[in-house]
PDB file of N, CA and C in Angstrom:
ATOM      1  N   MET A   1     123.392 118.292  67.155  1.00  0.00           N
ATOM      2  CA  MET A   1     122.312 118.229  68.122  1.00  0.00           C
ATOM      3  C   MET A   1     122.167 117.470  68.842  1.00  0.00           C
ATOM      4  N   THR A   2     121.998 117.432  70.278  1.00  0.00           N
ATOM      5  CA  THR A   2     122.463 116.644  71.126  1.00  0.00           C
ATOM      6  C   THR A   2     120.392 116.212  71.767  1.00  0.00           C
ATOM      7  N   ARG A   3     120.809 114.701  71.987  1.00  0.00           N
ATOM      8  CA  ARG A   3     119.261 114.239  72.195  1.00  0.00           C
ATOM      9  C   ARG A   3     119.032 114.468  73.659  1.00  0.00           C
ATOM     10  N   PRO A   4     118.164 114.237  74.334  1.00  0.00           N
ATOM     11  CA  PRO A   4     117.693 114.229  75.668  1.00  0.00           C
ATOM     12  C   PRO A   4     117.411 112.995  76.062  1.00  0.00           C
ATOM     13  N   PRO A   5     118.011 112.900  77.575  1.00  0.00           N
ATOM     14  CA  PRO A   5     117.769 111.587  77.906  1.00  0.00           C
ATOM     15  C   PRO A   5     117.157 110.858  77.744  1.00  0.00           C
ATOM     16  N   ASP A   6     117.172 108.928  76.790  1.00  0.00           N
ATOM     17  CA  ASP A   6     115.997 108.370  76.789  1.00  0.00           C
ATOM     18  C   ASP A   6     115.768 108.027  78.169  1.00  0.00           C
ATOM     19  N   HIS A   7     114.196 108.055  78.238  1.00  0.00           N
ATOM     20  CA  HIS A   7     114.132 107.106  80.104  1.00  0.00           C
ATOM     21  C   HIS A   7     112.829 106.295  79.982  1.00  0.00           C
ATOM     22  N   THR A   8     113.144 105.557  78.704  1.00  0.00           N
ATOM     23  CA  THR A   8     112.259 104.778  78.875  1.00  0.00           C
ATOM     24  C   THR A   8     112.264 103.538  79.934  1.00  0.00           C
ATOM     25  N   SER A   9     113.632 103.129  80.255  1.00  0.00           N
ATOM     26  CA  SER A   9     114.028 102.138  80.554  1.00  0.00           C
ATOM     27  C   SER A   9     112.941 102.524  82.104  1.00  0.00           C
ATOM     28  N   GLU A  10     112.541 103.427  82.323  1.00  0.00           N
ATOM     29  CA  GLU A  10     112.618 103.749  84.061  1.00  0.00           C
ATOM     30  C   GLU A  10     110.599 103.753  83.798  1.00  0.00           C
ATOM     31  N   LEU A  11     110.188 103.183  82.850  1.00  0.00           N
ATOM     32  CA  LEU A  11     108.808 103.128  81.775  1.00  0.00           C
ATOM     33  C   LEU A  11     108.552 101.406  81.505  1.00  0.00           C
ATOM     34  N   ALA A  12     108.657 101.000  82.199  1.00  0.00           N
ATOM     35  CA  ALA A  12     108.212  98.701  81.685  1.00  0.00           C
ATOM     36  C   ALA A  12     107.373  98.851  80.934  1.00  0.00           C
ATOM     37  N   SER A  13     105.876  98.901  81.422  1.00  0.00           N
ATOM     38  CA  SER A  13     104.551  98.957  81.176  1.00  0.00           C
ATOM     39  C   SER A  13     103.626 100.458  80.854  1.00  0.00           C
ATOM     40  N   PRO A  14     102.943 101.184  79.909  1.00  0.00           N
ATOM     41  CA  PRO A  14     101.853 101.848  80.496  1.00  0.00           C
ATOM     42  C   PRO A  14     100.598 101.288  81.157  1.00  0.00           C
ATOM     43  N   SER A  15     100.854  99.717  81.426  1.00  0.00           N
ATOM     44  CA  SER A  15      99.273  98.948  81.603  1.00  0.00           C
ATOM     45  C   SER A  15     100.305  98.304  83.097  1.00  0.00           C
ATOM     46  N   GLU A  16     101.722  98.912  83.592  1.00  0.00           N
ATOM     47  CA  GLU A  16     102.090  98.623  85.058  1.00  0.00           C
ATOM     48  C   GLU A  16     101.423  99.343  86.033  1.00  0.00           C
ATOM     49  N   PRO A  17     100.979  99.294  87.127  1.00  0.00           N
ATOM     50  CA  PRO A  17     100.537 100.188  87.917  1.00  0.00           C
ATOM     51  C   PRO A  17     101.656 101.335  88.255  1.00  0.00           C
ATOM     52  N   SER A  18     100.763 102.282  88.964  1.00  0.00           N
ATOM     53  CA  SER A  18     101.760 103.727  88.875  1.00  0.00           C
ATOM     54  C   SER A  18     103.098 104.221  90.172  1.00  0.00           C
ATOM     55  N   SER A  19     104.288 103.858  90.270  1.00  0.00           N
ATOM     56  CA  SER A  19     104.647 103.580  90.676  1.00  0.00           C
ATOM     57  C   SER A  19     104.943 104.810  91.754  1.00  0.00           C
ATOM     58  N   ALA A  20     103.985 106.086  90.871  1.00  0.00           N
ATOM     59  CA  ALA A  20     103.696 106.901  92.892  1.00  0.00           C
ATOM     60  C   ALA A  20     103.115 106.489  93.645  1.00  0.00           C
ATOM     61  N   ALA A  21     101.794 105.565  93.160  1.00  0.00           N
ATOM     62  CA  ALA A  21     100.657 105.582  94.775  1.00  0.00           C
ATOM     63  C   ALA A  21     101.821 104.619  95.488  1.00  0.00           C
ATOM     64  N   PRO A  22     102.016 104.567  95.889  1.00  0.00           N
ATOM     65  CA  PRO A  22     102.869 103.951  97.063  1.00  0.00           C
ATOM     66  C   PRO A  22     103.281 105.819  97.968  1.00  0.00           C
ATOM     67  N   LEU A  23     103.807 106.575  97.006  1.00  0.00           N
ATOM     68  CA  LEU A  23     103.929 107.491  97.428  1.00  0.00           C
ATOM     69  C   LEU A  23     103.224 108.712  97.934  1.00  0.00           C
ATOM     70  N   LEU A  24     101.858 108.074  97.839  1.00  0.00           N
ATOM     71  CA  LEU A  24     100.906 108.872  97.726  1.00  0.00           C
ATOM     72  C   LEU A  24      99.881 108.918  99.213  1.00  0.00           C
ATOM     73  N   GLN A  25     100.647 108.380 100.166  1.00  0.00           N
ATOM     74  CA  GLN A  25     100.569 107.865 101.862  1.00  0.00           C
ATOM     75  C   GLN A  25     100.982 109.630 102.263  1.00  0.00           C
ATOM     76  N   PRO A  26     100.370 110.715 102.966  1.00  0.00           N
ATOM     77  CA  PRO A  26     101.680 111.473 103.400  1.00  0.00           C
ATOM     78  C   PRO A  26     102.146 111.077 104.498  1.00  0.00           C
ATOM     79  N   THR A  27     102.711 111.573 105.236  1.00  0.00           N
ATOM     80  CA  THR A  27     103.432 111.642 106.439  1.00  0.00           C
ATOM     81  C   THR A  27     103.161 112.376 107.166  1.00  0.00           C
ATOM     82  N   SER A  28     103.217 112.116 108.589  1.00  0.00           N
ATOM     83  CA  SER A  28     101.965 113.311 109.206  1.00  0.00           C
ATOM     84  C   SER A  28     103.233 114.377 109.825  1.00  0.00           C
ATOM     85  N   ASP A  29     104.694 114.080 110.047  1.00  0.00           N
ATOM     86  CA  ASP A  29     105.404 114.929 109.773  1.00  0.00           C
ATOM     87  C   ASP A  29     105.741 116.318 108.500  1.00  0.00           C
ATOM     88  N   GLU A  30     105.534 115.806 107.257  1.00  0.00           N
ATOM     89  CA  GLU A  30     105.431 116.460 105.928  1.00  0.00           C
ATOM     90  C   GLU A  30     104.936 117.527 105.786  1.00  0.00           C
ATOM     91  N   ARG A  31     105.863 118.315 105.412  1.00  0.00           N
ATOM     92  CA  ARG A  31     105.257 120.085 104.944  1.00  0.00           C
ATOM     93  C   ARG A  31     104.427 119.929 103.997  1.00  0.00           C
ATOM     94  N   ARG A  32     103.164 120.907 103.657  1.00  0.00           N
ATOM     95  CA  ARG A  32     102.563 120.417 102.846  1.00  0.00           C
ATOM     96  C   ARG A  32     103.407 121.501 101.058  1.00  0.00           C
ATOM     97  N   ALA A  33     103.542 120.969 100.354  1.00  0.00           N
ATOM     98  CA  ALA A  33     103.491 121.487  98.853  1.00  0.00           C
ATOM     99  C   ALA A  33     102.581 123.140  98.286  1.00  0.00           C
ATOM    100  N   PRO A  34     103.230 124.392  98.150  1.00  0.00           N
ATOM    101  CA  PRO A  34     102.960 125.524  98.079  1.00  0.00           C
ATOM    102  C   PRO A  34     102.115 125.129  96.960  1.00  0.00           C
ATOM    103  N   THR A  35     100.920 124.883  96.861  1.00  0.00           N
ATOM    104  CA  THR A  35     100.070 124.444  95.219  1.00  0.00           C
ATOM    105  C   THR A  35      99.511 125.615  95.290  1.00  0.00           C
ATOM    106  N   ALA A  36      99.949 126.957  96.080  1.00  0.00           N
ATOM    107  CA  ALA A  36      98.863 128.503  95.543  1.00  0.00           C
ATOM    108  C   ALA A  36      99.376 128.650  94.427  1.00  0.00           C
ATOM    109  N   ILE A  37     100.773 128.038  94.199  1.00  0.00           N
ATOM    110  CA  ILE A  37     101.744 128.456  93.308  1.00  0.00           C
ATOM    111  C   ILE A  37     101.185 127.949  91.212  1.00  0.00           C
ATOM    112  N   LEU A  38      99.984 126.331  91.839  1.00  0.00           N
ATOM    113  CA  LEU A  38      99.717 125.789  90.845  1.00  0.00           C
ATOM    114  C   LEU A  38      98.038 126.843  89.983  1.00  0.00           C
ATOM    115  N   SER A  39      98.325 126.887  89.111  1.00  0.00           N
ATOM    116  CA  SER A  39      97.189 127.221  87.672  1.00  0.00           C
ATOM    117  C   SER A  39      96.442 125.841  88.208  1.00  0.00           C
ATOM    118  N   SER A  40      94.621 126.293  87.519  1.00  0.00           N
ATOM    119  CA  SER A  40      93.609 125.387  87.613  1.00  0.00           C
ATOM    120  C   SER A  40      94.408 124.173  86.655  1.00  0.00           C
ATOM    121  N   ALA A  41      95.094 124.395  85.428  1.00  0.00           N
ATOM    122  CA  ALA A  41      94.949 122.946  84.780  1.00  0.00           C
ATOM    123  C   ALA A  41      95.579 122.626  85.812  1.00  0.00           C
ATOM    124  N   LYS A  42      96.755 122.517  85.976  1.00  0.00           N
ATOM    125  CA  LYS A  42      97.494 121.858  86.535  1.00  0.00           C
ATOM    126  C   LYS A  42      97.763 121.543  87.632  1.00  0.00           C
ATOM    127  N   ARG A  43      96.681 121.601  88.184  1.00  0.00           N
ATOM    128  CA  ARG A  43      96.278 120.910  89.807  1.00  0.00           C
ATOM    129  C   ARG A  43      95.177 119.540  88.946  1.00  0.00           C
ATOM    130  N   ALA A  44      94.406 120.022  88.322  1.00  0.00           N
ATOM    131  CA  ALA A  44      93.531 119.043  87.741  1.00  0.00           C
ATOM    132  C   ALA A  44      94.741 117.884  86.905  1.00  0.00           C
ATOM    133  N   ALA A  45      95.597 118.510  86.194  1.00  0.00           N
ATOM    134  CA  ALA A  45      96.469 117.047  85.796  1.00  0.00           C
ATOM    135  C   ALA A  45      97.448 116.534  86.980  1.00  0.00           C
ATOM    136  N   LEU A  46      97.512 117.165  87.452  1.00  0.00           N
ATOM    137  CA  LEU A  46      98.027 116.022  88.924  1.00  0.00           C
ATOM    138  C   LEU A  46      97.314 115.315  89.454  1.00  0.00           C
ATOM    139  N   ILE A  47      96.082 116.113  89.236  1.00  0.00           N
ATOM    140  CA  ILE A  47      95.203 115.240  90.460  1.00  0.00           C
ATOM    141  C   ILE A  47      95.271 113.750  89.322  1.00  0.00           C
ATOM    142  N   ALA A  48      94.604 113.837  87.835  1.00  0.00           N
ATOM    143  CA  ALA A  48      94.364 113.026  86.799  1.00  0.00           C
ATOM    144  C   ALA A  48      94.991 111.908  87.247  1.00  0.00           C
ATOM    145  N   CYS A  49      96.795 112.356  86.898  1.00  0.00           N
ATOM    146  CA  CYS A  49      97.896 111.753  86.299  1.00  0.00           C
ATOM    147  C   CYS A  49      98.202 110.779  87.819  1.00  0.00           C
ATOM    148  N   VAL A  50      97.835 111.292  89.237  1.00  0.00           N
ATOM    149  CA  VAL A  50      97.578 110.717  90.958  1.00  0.00           C
ATOM    150  C   VAL A  50      96.189 109.268  90.482  1.00  0.00           C
ATOM    151  N   ASN A  51      95.055 109.629  89.538  1.00  0.00           N
ATOM    152  CA  ASN A  51      93.862 108.518  89.773  1.00  0.00           C
ATOM    153  C   ASN A  51      94.324 107.737  88.546  1.00  0.00           C
ATOM    154  N   GLY A  52      94.623 108.061  87.675  1.00  0.00           N
ATOM    155  CA  GLY A  52      95.145 107.024  86.395  1.00  0.00           C
ATOM    156  C   GLY A  52      96.411 106.639  86.794  1.00  0.00           C
ATOM    157  N   GLY A  53      97.331 106.820  86.937  1.00  0.00           N
ATOM    158  CA  GLY A  53      98.517 106.199  87.717  1.00  0.00           C
ATOM    159  C   GLY A  53     100.024 107.314  86.486  1.00  0.00           C
ATOM    160  N   SER A  54      99.128 107.519  85.442  1.00  0.00           N
ATOM    161  CA  SER A  54      99.919 108.227  84.337  1.00  0.00           C
ATOM    162  C   SER A  54      99.018 109.006  83.738  1.00  0.00           C
ATOM    163  N   LEU A  55      99.942 109.614  82.505  1.00  0.00           N
ATOM    164  CA  LEU A  55      99.112 110.184  81.467  1.00  0.00           C
ATOM    165  C   LEU A  55      99.314 109.598  80.405  1.00  0.00           C
ATOM    166  N   HIS A  56      98.635 109.440  79.471  1.00  0.00           N
ATOM    167  CA  HIS A  56      99.612 109.460  78.176  1.00  0.00           C
ATOM    168  C   HIS A  56      99.154 110.175  77.006  1.00  0.00           C
ATOM    169  N   ARG A  57      99.616 110.261  76.068  1.00  0.00           N
ATOM    170  CA  ARG A  57      99.505 111.412  74.795  1.00  0.00           C
ATOM    171  C   ARG A  57      98.621 110.540  74.137  1.00  0.00           C
ATOM    172  N   ARG A  58      97.166 110.862  73.504  1.00  0.00           N
ATOM    173  CA  ARG A  58      96.637 110.667  72.781  1.00  0.00           C
ATOM    174  C   ARG A  58      96.125 111.452  71.737  1.00  0.00           C
ATOM    175  N   ARG A  59      95.685 110.887  70.408  1.00  0.00           N
ATOM    176  CA  ARG A  59      95.522 112.458  69.682  1.00  0.00           C
ATOM    177  C   ARG A  59      96.142 114.135  69.486  1.00  0.00           C
ATOM    178  N   GLY A  60      96.975 114.029  70.120  1.00  0.00           N
ATOM    179  CA  GLY A  60      97.436 115.396  70.201  1.00  0.00           C
ATOM    180  C   GLY A  60      97.317 115.816  71.832  1.00  0.00           C
ATOM    181  N   VAL A  61      96.544 115.199  72.874  1.00  0.00           N
ATOM    182  CA  VAL A  61      96.069 116.024  73.990  1.00  0.00           C
ATOM    183  C   VAL A  61      96.444 114.710  75.246  1.00  0.00           C
ATOM    184  N   TRP A  62      96.406 115.322  76.409  1.00  0.00           N
ATOM    185  CA  TRP A  62      96.969 114.474  77.179  1.00  0.00           C
ATOM    186  C   TRP A  62      95.994 113.855  78.212  1.00  0.00           C
ATOM    187  N   THR A  63      95.951 111.778  78.657  1.00  0.00           N
ATOM    188  CA  THR A  63      94.910 111.897  79.368  1.00  0.00           C
ATOM    189  C   THR A  63      94.902 110.776  79.834  1.00  0.00           C
ATOM    190  N   ALA A  64      94.234 110.495  81.001  1.00  0.00           N
ATOM    191  CA  ALA A  64      94.699 109.304  82.350  1.00  0.00           C
ATOM    192  C   ALA A  64      93.947 108.277  81.123  1.00  0.00           C
ATOM    193  N   PRO A  65      95.163 106.877  81.784  1.00  0.00           N
ATOM    194  CA  PRO A  65      94.230 105.514  80.789  1.00  0.00           C
ATOM    195  C   PRO A  65      92.675 105.775  81.533  1.00  0.00           C
ATOM    196  N   SER A  66      92.731 106.072  82.363  1.00  0.00           N
ATOM    197  CA  SER A  66      91.456 105.943  83.201  1.00  0.00           C
ATOM    198  C   SER A  66      89.681 106.725  83.046  1.00  0.00           C
ATOM    199  N   ALA A  67      90.790 107.406  82.245  1.00  0.00           N
ATOM    200  CA  ALA A  67      89.500 108.890  81.823  1.00  0.00           C
ATOM    201  C   ALA A  67      88.517 108.398  81.193  1.00  0.00           C
ATOM    202  N   GLY A  68      87.101 109.409  81.381  1.00  0.00           N
ATOM    203  CA  GLY A  68      85.785 108.505  80.637  1.00  0.00           C
ATOM    204  C   GLY A  68      85.733 109.534  79.525  1.00  0.00           C
ATOM    205  N   VAL A  69      84.418 109.380  79.281  1.00  0.00           N
ATOM    206  CA  VAL A  69      84.230 110.301  77.498  1.00  0.00           C
ATOM    207  C   VAL A  69      83.978 111.778  77.930  1.00  0.00           C
ATOM    208  N   GLY A  70      83.817 112.437  79.426  1.00  0.00           N
ATOM    209  CA  GLY A  70      83.347 112.872  80.100  1.00  0.00           C
ATOM    210  C   GLY A  70      84.717 114.108  80.590  1.00  0.00           C
ATOM    211  N   ASP A  71      85.864 113.320  80.428  1.00  0.00           N
ATOM    212  CA  ASP A  71      87.056 113.791  81.183  1.00  0.00           C
ATOM    213  C   ASP A  71      87.335 115.113  80.107  1.00  0.00           C
ATOM    214  N   ARG A  72      88.098 115.793  81.535  1.00  0.00           N
ATOM    215  CA  ARG A  72      88.457 117.182  80.343  1.00  0.00           C
ATOM    216  C   ARG A  72      90.157 116.838  79.683  1.00  0.00           C
ATOM    217  N   PRO A  73      90.561 116.968  78.685  1.00  0.00           N
ATOM    218  CA  PRO A  73      91.817 116.220  78.168  1.00  0.00           C
ATOM    219  C   PRO A  73      92.989 117.714  78.694  1.00  0.00           C
ATOM    220  N   ILE A  74      94.121 117.108  79.391  1.00  0.00           N
ATOM    221  CA  ILE A  74      94.908 117.656  79.644  1.00  0.00           C
ATOM    222  C   ILE A  74      95.684 118.771  78.349  1.00  0.00           C
ATOM    223  N   SER A  75      96.571 120.032  78.558  1.00  0.00           N
ATOM    224  CA  SER A  75      96.466 120.473  77.079  1.00  0.00           C
ATOM    225  C   SER A  75      98.571 119.660  77.227  1.00  0.00           C
ATOM    226  N   GLY A  76      99.205 119.560  76.013  1.00  0.00           N
ATOM    227  CA  GLY A  76     100.020 119.728  75.805  1.00  0.00           C
ATOM    228  C   GLY A  76     101.389 121.060  76.235  1.00  0.00           C
ATOM    229  N   ALA A  77     100.393 121.909  76.248  1.00  0.00           N
ATOM    230  CA  ALA A  77     101.250 123.050  77.477  1.00  0.00           C
ATOM    231  C   ALA A  77     101.761 122.548  78.648  1.00  0.00           C
ATOM    232  N   THR A  78     100.182 122.170  79.635  1.00  0.00           N
ATOM    233  CA  THR A  78     100.098 122.097  80.594  1.00  0.00           C
ATOM    234  C   THR A  78     101.312 120.895  81.184  1.00  0.00           C
ATOM    235  N   VAL A  79     101.288 120.046  80.695  1.00  0.00           N
ATOM    236  CA  VAL A  79     101.991 118.850  81.285  1.00  0.00           C
ATOM    237  C   VAL A  79     104.162 119.360  80.535  1.00  0.00           C
ATOM    238  N   ALA A  80     103.632 120.121  79.689  1.00  0.00           N
ATOM    239  CA  ALA A  80     105.576 120.127  79.714  1.00  0.00           C
ATOM    240  C   ALA A  80     106.160 121.800  80.618  1.00  0.00           C
ATOM    241  N   ASP A  81     104.949 122.583  81.049  1.00  0.00           N
ATOM    242  CA  ASP A  81     105.228 123.582  81.509  1.00  0.00           C
ATOM    243  C   ASP A  81     105.547 121.924  83.108  1.00  0.00           C
ATOM    244  N   LEU A  82     104.117 121.790  83.913  1.00  0.00           N
ATOM    245  CA  LEU A  82     104.679 120.256  85.200  1.00  0.00           C
ATOM    246  C   LEU A  82     106.861 118.932  84.860  1.00  0.00           C
ATOM    247  N   GLY A  83     106.643 119.332  83.179  1.00  0.00           N
ATOM    248  CA  GLY A  83     107.707 119.050  83.323  1.00  0.00           C
ATOM    249  C   GLY A  83     108.995 119.599  83.410  1.00  0.00           C
ATOM    250  N   ARG A  84     108.604 121.045  82.922  1.00  0.00           N
ATOM    251  CA  ARG A  84     109.451 121.613  83.238  1.00  0.00           C
ATOM    252  C   ARG A  84     109.452 121.840  84.808  1.00  0.00           C
ATOM    253  N   ASP A  85     109.166 121.983  84.737  1.00  0.00           N
ATOM    254  CA  ASP A  85     109.082 122.332  87.232  1.00  0.00           C
ATOM    255  C   ASP A  85     109.637 121.230  87.722  1.00  0.00           C
ATOM    256  N   GLY A  86     109.922 120.188  86.663  1.00  0.00           N
ATOM    257  CA  GLY A  86     109.724 118.603  87.535  1.00  0.00           C
ATOM    258  C   GLY A  86     108.448 118.310  88.598  1.00  0.00           C
ATOM    259  N   MET A  87     108.325 117.973  88.143  1.00  0.00           N
ATOM    260  CA  MET A  87     106.628 117.437  88.528  1.00  0.00           C
ATOM    261  C   MET A  87     106.382 116.669  87.542  1.00  0.00           C
ATOM    262  N   LEU A  88     106.488 116.023  86.422  1.00  0.00           N
ATOM    263  CA  LEU A  88     106.637 115.111  85.537  1.00  0.00           C
ATOM    264  C   LEU A  88     107.685 114.534  84.946  1.00  0.00           C
ATOM    265  N   THR A  89     107.953 113.067  84.940  1.00  0.00           N
ATOM    266  CA  THR A  89     108.232 113.019  84.185  1.00  0.00           C
ATOM    267  C   THR A  89     108.422 112.462  82.081  1.00  0.00           C
ATOM    268  N   LEU A  90     109.286 112.609  81.964  1.00  0.00           N
ATOM    269  CA  LEU A  90     108.899 112.209  80.512  1.00  0.00           C
ATOM    270  C   LEU A  90     109.149 111.068  79.251  1.00  0.00           C
ATOM    271  N   SER A  91     108.074 110.563  78.780  1.00  0.00           N
ATOM    272  CA  SER A  91     109.015 108.627  78.537  1.00  0.00           C
ATOM    273  C   SER A  91     107.882 108.634  77.045  1.00  0.00           C
ATOM    274  N   VAL A  92     109.281 108.167  75.955  1.00  0.00           N
ATOM    275  CA  VAL A  92     108.733 107.932  74.758  1.00  0.00           C
ATOM    276  C   VAL A  92     108.932 106.237  74.777  1.00  0.00           C
ATOM    277  N   LEU A  93     107.822 105.167  74.583  1.00  0.00           N
ATOM    278  CA  LEU A  93     107.670 104.133  74.578  1.00  0.00           C
ATOM    279  C   LEU A  93     107.662 103.266  73.872  1.00  0.00           C
ATOM    280  N   GLN A  94     107.654 103.065  72.607  1.00  0.00           N
ATOM    281  CA  GLN A  94     107.718 102.237  71.263  1.00  0.00           C
ATOM    282  C   GLN A  94     106.510 103.396  70.784  1.00  0.00           C
ATOM    283  N   GLY A  95     106.669 104.155  71.048  1.00  0.00           N
ATOM    284  CA  GLY A  95     106.304 105.382  70.151  1.00  0.00           C
ATOM    285  C   GLY A  95     104.637 106.482  70.388  1.00  0.00           C
ATOM    286  N   SER A  96     105.031 105.806  71.844  1.00  0.00           N
ATOM    287  CA  SER A  96     103.398 106.592  72.597  1.00  0.00           C
ATOM    288  C   SER A  96     104.398 107.487  73.987  1.00  0.00           C
ATOM    289  N   ALA A  97     104.089 108.996  74.146  1.00  0.00           N
ATOM    290  CA  ALA A  97     104.689 109.238  75.033  1.00  0.00           C
ATOM    291  C   ALA A  97     103.553 108.938  76.772  1.00  0.00           C
ATOM    292  N   TYR A  98     104.001 109.172  77.328  1.00  0.00           N
ATOM    293  CA  TYR A  98     103.844 108.927  79.083  1.00  0.00           C
ATOM    294  C   TYR A  98     104.149 109.590  79.786  1.00  0.00           C
ATOM    295  N   ALA A  99     103.458 110.501  80.187  1.00  0.00           N
ATOM    296  CA  ALA A  99     104.140 111.094  81.928  1.00  0.00           C
ATOM    297  C   ALA A  99     103.981 110.759  82.943  1.00  0.00           C
ATOM    298  N   ARG A 100     104.600 110.572  84.581  1.00  0.00           N
ATOM    299  CA  ARG A 100     104.521 110.459  84.936  1.00  0.00           C
ATOM    300  C   ARG A 100     105.346 110.938  86.381  1.00  0.00           C
ATOM    301  N   LEU A 101     104.818 110.454  87.436  1.00  0.00           N
ATOM    302  CA  LEU A 101     104.938 112.181  88.444  1.00  0.00           C
ATOM    303  C   LEU A 101     106.041 111.351  88.789  1.00  0.00           C
ATOM    304  N   THR A 102     106.934 112.578  89.055  1.00  0.00           N
ATOM    305  CA  THR A 102     108.073 112.565  90.203  1.00  0.00           C
ATOM    306  C   THR A 102     108.134 113.015  91.432  1.00  0.00           C
ATOM    307  N   ALA A 103     109.735 112.826  92.718  1.00  0.00           N
ATOM    308  CA  ALA A 103     108.458 112.982  94.044  1.00  0.00           C
ATOM    309  C   ALA A 103     108.755 114.287  94.121  1.00  0.00           C
ATOM    310  N   ARG A 104     109.000 116.235  93.714  1.00  0.00           N
ATOM    311  CA  ARG A 104     108.199 116.083  93.970  1.00  0.00           C
ATOM    312  C   ARG A 104     106.874 116.782  93.035  1.00  0.00           C
ATOM    313  N   GLY A 105     106.194 116.049  92.165  1.00  0.00           N
ATOM    314  CA  GLY A 105     105.008 115.816  91.501  1.00  0.00           C
ATOM    315  C   GLY A 105     103.992 115.489  92.614  1.00  0.00           C
ATOM    316  N   SER A 106     105.096 113.909  93.261  1.00  0.00           N
ATOM    317  CA  SER A 106     103.900 113.752  94.071  1.00  0.00           C
ATOM    318  C   SER A 106     103.970 114.393  95.738  1.00  0.00           C
ATOM    319  N   TRP A 107     104.824 115.066  95.859  1.00  0.00           N
ATOM    320  CA  TRP A 107     104.324 115.548  96.985  1.00  0.00           C
ATOM    321  C   TRP A 107     103.515 117.074  96.627  1.00  0.00           C
ATOM    322  N   PHE A 108     103.646 117.040  95.803  1.00  0.00           N
ATOM    323  CA  PHE A 108     102.552 118.396  95.185  1.00  0.00           C
ATOM    324  C   PHE A 108     100.822 117.441  95.447  1.00  0.00           C
ATOM    325  N   ALA A 109     101.086 116.214  94.718  1.00  0.00           N
ATOM    326  CA  ALA A 109      99.779 115.768  94.407  1.00  0.00           C
ATOM    327  C   ALA A 109      99.055 115.344  95.961  1.00  0.00           C
ATOM    328  N   ARG A 110     100.170 115.283  96.950  1.00  0.00           N
ATOM    329  CA  ARG A 110      99.292 114.312  98.298  1.00  0.00           C
ATOM    330  C   ARG A 110      99.101 115.392  98.945  1.00  0.00           C
ATOM    331  N   THR A 111      99.566 116.719  98.427  1.00  0.00           N
ATOM    332  CA  THR A 111      99.310 117.722  98.902  1.00  0.00           C
ATOM    333  C   THR A 111      97.627 118.479  98.776  1.00  0.00           C
ATOM    334  N   LEU A 112      97.528 117.988  97.348  1.00  0.00           N
ATOM    335  CA  LEU A 112      96.318 118.683  96.668  1.00  0.00           C
ATOM    336  C   LEU A 112      95.224 117.435  96.989  1.00  0.00           C
ATOM    337  N   VAL A 113      95.381 116.219  97.047  1.00  0.00           N
ATOM    338  CA  VAL A 113      94.320 114.913  97.545  1.00  0.00           C
ATOM    339  C   VAL A 113      93.840 115.166  99.352  1.00  0.00           C
ATOM    340  N   THR A 114      95.334 116.086  99.688  1.00  0.00           N
ATOM    341  CA  THR A 114      94.672 116.030 101.055  1.00  0.00           C
ATOM    342  C   THR A 114      94.198 117.213 101.350  1.00  0.00           C
ATOM    343  N   GLU A 115      94.385 118.676 100.621  1.00  0.00           N
ATOM    344  CA  GLU A 115      93.691 119.707 100.506  1.00  0.00           C
ATOM    345  C   GLU A 115      92.008 119.474 100.255  1.00  0.00           C
ATOM    346  N   LEU A 116      91.712 118.512  99.776  1.00  0.00           N
ATOM    347  CA  LEU A 116      90.761 117.949  98.280  1.00  0.00           C
ATOM    348  C   LEU A 116      89.857 117.350  99.547  1.00  0.00           C
ATOM    349  N   ALA A 117      90.038 116.493 100.680  1.00  0.00           N
ATOM    350  CA  ALA A 117      89.422 115.369 100.978  1.00  0.00           C
ATOM    351  C   ALA A 117      89.010 116.681 102.609  1.00  0.00           C
ATOM    352  N   GLU A 118      90.190 117.494 102.803  1.00  0.00           N
ATOM    353  CA  GLU A 118      89.783 118.306 103.544  1.00  0.00           C
ATOM    354  C   GLU A 118      88.366 118.907 103.657  1.00  0.00           C
ATOM    355  N   ARG A 119      88.418 119.290 102.363  1.00  0.00           N
ATOM    356  CA  ARG A 119      87.126 120.309 102.240  1.00  0.00           C
ATOM    357  C   ARG A 119      85.773 119.259 101.975  1.00  0.00           C
ATOM    358  N   ALA A 120      86.158 118.095 101.387  1.00  0.00           N
ATOM    359  CA  ALA A 120      84.811 117.663 100.872  1.00  0.00           C
ATOM    360  C   ALA A 120      84.246 116.883 102.841  1.00  0.00           C
ATOM    361  N   VAL A 121      85.205 117.145 104.123  1.00  0.00           N
ATOM    362  CA  VAL A 121      84.842 116.412 105.221  1.00  0.00           C
ATOM    363  C   VAL A 121      84.831 117.946 105.823  1.00  0.00           C
ATOM    364  N   PRO A 122      82.747 117.572 106.394  1.00  0.00           N
ATOM    365  CA  PRO A 122      82.388 118.862 106.963  1.00  0.00           C
ATOM    366  C   PRO A 122      82.780 119.262 108.044  1.00  0.00           C
ATOM    367  N   CYS A 123      83.247 120.415 108.768  1.00  0.00           N
ATOM    368  CA  CYS A 123      83.908 120.579 109.900  1.00  0.00           C
ATOM    369  C   CYS A 123      83.067 119.955 111.002  1.00  0.00           C
ATOM    370  N   THR A 124      82.502 119.995 112.326  1.00  0.00           N
ATOM    371  CA  THR A 124      81.927 119.180 112.822  1.00  0.00           C
ATOM    372  C   THR A 124      82.007 120.112 114.446  1.00  0.00           C
ATOM    373  N   GLU A 125      83.131 121.365 114.346  1.00  0.00           N
ATOM    374  CA  GLU A 125      83.486 122.116 115.571  1.00  0.00           C
ATOM    375  C   GLU A 125      82.430 122.637 116.131  1.00  0.00           C
TER     376      GLU A 125
END
C-alpha cells in the first residue's frame, strides 16, 4: 500500500497567519471563478477558510480557528470534495488535521468575497 505524500512541511504552524491572505487581493484583469458550480456548503467552507486562514478538524467536524459557538461546522465530506476539486490542501501536523486554500481555492474564494461585497453594496444608479 502506498502512502499519500506528506505535506506537513507546507504547514509550519496552525497558528501562523494564512498564506492565502496575500492571494485574496483580486486583480482588475482577473476573470471570475465559476462559483455557480459550488454548492452552498462548499461556498460556506471556502468563506470560513478565508475568514479563519485555515480549517481544522475538531471532534469529527471541520471549523475555522476563529469559529464561534453559533457558527456551523463543515462536514468532512465537503472538505474532502474541496480537496479532490483542488481547492484545499489537507495536512496532518502532530496528529491534527488542517486544510488550507490552494491557488485554485483562493481564486474561487476571491470571487465569492467579491460577489458577497457586490451584493452588500446597494446600487445607486
